[in-house]
Protein backbone atom coordinates (compact mmCIF):
# COMPACT_ATOMS: atom_id res chain seq x y z
CA UNK A 1 104.09 88.92 98.23
CA UNK A 2 107.17 91.10 97.76
CA UNK A 3 109.97 89.62 99.94
CA UNK A 4 111.86 92.92 100.13
CA UNK A 5 108.75 94.71 101.40
CA UNK A 6 108.13 91.93 103.90
CA UNK A 7 111.69 92.19 105.23
CA UNK A 8 111.36 95.98 105.49
CA UNK A 9 107.98 95.63 107.22
CA UNK A 10 109.40 93.11 109.68
CA UNK A 11 112.27 95.44 110.55
CA UNK A 12 109.96 98.44 111.05
CA UNK A 13 107.73 96.38 113.37
CA UNK A 14 110.76 95.14 115.34
CA UNK A 15 111.74 98.76 115.95
CA UNK A 16 108.45 99.26 117.84
CA UNK A 17 109.52 96.44 120.21
CA UNK A 18 106.15 94.79 119.62
CA UNK A 19 105.49 91.26 118.46
CA UNK A 20 106.23 90.63 114.81
CA UNK A 21 103.25 88.71 113.47
CA UNK A 22 102.51 87.48 109.96
CA UNK A 23 99.41 89.68 109.75
CA UNK A 24 101.33 92.82 110.76
CA UNK A 25 104.17 92.08 108.35
CA UNK A 26 101.89 91.25 105.42
CA UNK A 27 99.63 94.27 105.86
CA UNK A 28 102.52 96.70 106.33
CA UNK A 29 104.22 95.16 103.27
CA UNK A 30 101.07 95.85 101.24
CA UNK A 31 101.16 99.50 102.34
CA UNK A 32 104.89 99.74 101.59
CA UNK A 33 104.38 98.62 98.00
CA UNK A 34 101.18 100.57 97.36
CA UNK A 35 101.32 103.48 94.94
CA UNK A 36 98.52 105.27 96.79
CA UNK A 37 96.71 105.17 100.15
CA UNK A 38 94.55 102.04 100.40
CA UNK A 39 91.17 101.40 101.96
CA UNK A 40 90.53 98.40 104.20
CA UNK A 41 88.89 96.69 101.22
CA UNK A 42 91.90 97.47 98.99
CA UNK A 43 94.20 95.83 101.56
CA UNK A 44 91.92 92.78 101.79
CA UNK A 45 91.82 92.43 98.01
CA UNK A 46 95.60 92.72 97.74
CA UNK A 47 96.23 90.20 100.53
CA UNK A 48 93.46 87.70 100.07
CA UNK A 49 89.75 88.53 99.87
CA UNK A 50 89.14 85.67 102.32
CA UNK A 51 91.47 87.14 104.96
CA UNK A 52 89.89 87.93 108.31
CA UNK A 53 88.37 91.41 107.98
CA UNK A 54 88.56 92.16 111.72
CA UNK A 55 92.25 91.24 111.87
CA UNK A 56 92.97 93.62 108.98
CA UNK A 57 91.06 96.43 110.74
CA UNK A 58 92.91 95.81 113.98
CA UNK A 59 96.32 95.69 112.31
CA UNK A 60 95.65 98.89 110.36
CA UNK A 61 94.65 100.62 113.60
CA UNK A 62 97.73 99.20 115.35
CA UNK A 63 100.01 100.41 112.54
CA UNK A 64 98.45 103.86 112.89
CA UNK A 65 98.87 103.84 116.67
CA UNK A 66 102.54 102.87 116.24
CA UNK A 67 103.05 105.70 113.70
CA UNK A 68 103.96 103.19 111.00
CA UNK A 69 100.91 104.21 108.97
CA UNK A 70 98.61 107.17 108.77
CA UNK A 71 94.99 107.29 107.79
CA UNK A 72 93.01 109.73 105.74
CA UNK A 73 89.26 110.24 105.77
CA UNK A 74 87.73 110.57 102.32
CA UNK A 75 84.56 112.45 101.48
CA UNK A 76 82.97 109.00 101.18
CA UNK A 77 83.78 108.42 104.89
CA UNK A 78 86.13 105.56 104.02
CA UNK A 79 89.50 105.52 105.77
CA UNK A 80 92.54 105.06 103.57
CA UNK A 81 95.94 104.05 104.92
CA UNK A 82 99.49 104.58 103.76
CA UNK A 83 102.94 104.20 105.22
CA UNK A 84 103.80 107.08 107.51
CA UNK A 85 106.89 109.03 106.71
CA UNK A 86 108.77 110.35 109.72
CA UNK A 87 107.37 112.92 110.23
CA UNK A 88 104.37 112.69 107.92
CA UNK A 89 104.82 115.85 105.90
CA UNK A 90 103.29 115.65 102.49
CA UNK A 91 100.02 116.62 100.88
CA UNK A 92 97.43 114.37 99.28
CA UNK A 93 95.27 114.54 96.16
CA UNK A 94 91.78 113.07 96.31
CA UNK A 95 89.89 112.37 93.11
CA UNK A 96 86.34 113.68 93.39
CA UNK A 97 85.08 111.07 90.92
CA UNK A 98 86.62 107.77 92.06
CA UNK A 99 87.55 108.77 95.62
CA UNK A 100 91.15 107.54 95.33
CA UNK A 101 93.91 109.30 97.23
CA UNK A 102 97.40 109.93 95.92
CA UNK A 103 100.42 111.12 97.92
CA UNK A 104 101.92 114.39 96.71
CA UNK A 105 105.45 114.05 98.01
CA UNK A 106 106.82 117.13 96.28
CA UNK A 107 104.19 119.65 97.37
CA UNK A 108 105.44 122.00 100.07
CA UNK A 109 103.64 121.60 103.37
CA UNK A 110 105.48 124.48 105.03
CA UNK A 111 102.71 126.70 106.28
CA UNK A 112 102.91 129.61 108.65
CA UNK A 113 100.03 128.93 111.00
CA UNK A 114 98.91 130.95 113.98
CA UNK A 115 96.62 129.41 116.54
CA UNK A 116 95.14 130.99 119.67
CA UNK A 117 97.22 131.07 122.85
CA UNK A 118 97.17 127.79 124.79
CA UNK A 119 96.56 125.78 121.58
CA UNK A 120 99.08 123.21 120.33
CA UNK A 121 99.16 121.94 116.74
CA UNK A 122 99.73 118.19 116.47
CA UNK A 123 99.27 117.78 112.73
CA UNK A 124 98.25 119.59 109.58
CA UNK A 125 96.57 117.72 106.74
CA UNK A 126 96.57 119.13 103.23
CA UNK A 127 94.24 117.54 100.70
CA UNK A 128 93.94 118.85 97.17
CA UNK A 129 90.76 117.77 95.41
CA UNK A 130 90.18 117.34 91.71
CA UNK A 131 89.96 114.67 89.01
CA UNK A 132 92.72 112.06 88.60
CA UNK A 133 94.28 111.09 85.28
CA UNK A 134 92.38 107.78 85.11
CA UNK A 135 89.00 109.48 85.54
CA UNK A 136 89.83 112.14 82.94
CA UNK A 137 90.15 109.46 80.24
């Protein structure tokens, strides 16, 4: 496990004023070092396939609740998680063949949106769909 990512994860968790546990640190460290949003199974495989599945689910949900991670729903109905930027303002690319998500940090998410009166926008999600480089080979 990457010690730098673990130290960063520990610090981010401390900032929430919640308990710093090994599970929280390890799972957030996995997300910090990931090159793309990860499914629950991806996190388990990266940590240890024998890790407690329920604990991983609970920690991923906790990280999302604490705004340390965000989750994306794929067309396959599998949630994928990545570290949340503050605020989370980037688009995603989802491969229609393998289902993987990739963060598109340099795609503008500045949209001029108009919603009906008495509506409040909390978030906007932009997902571009196509075929990733690995699947094109």
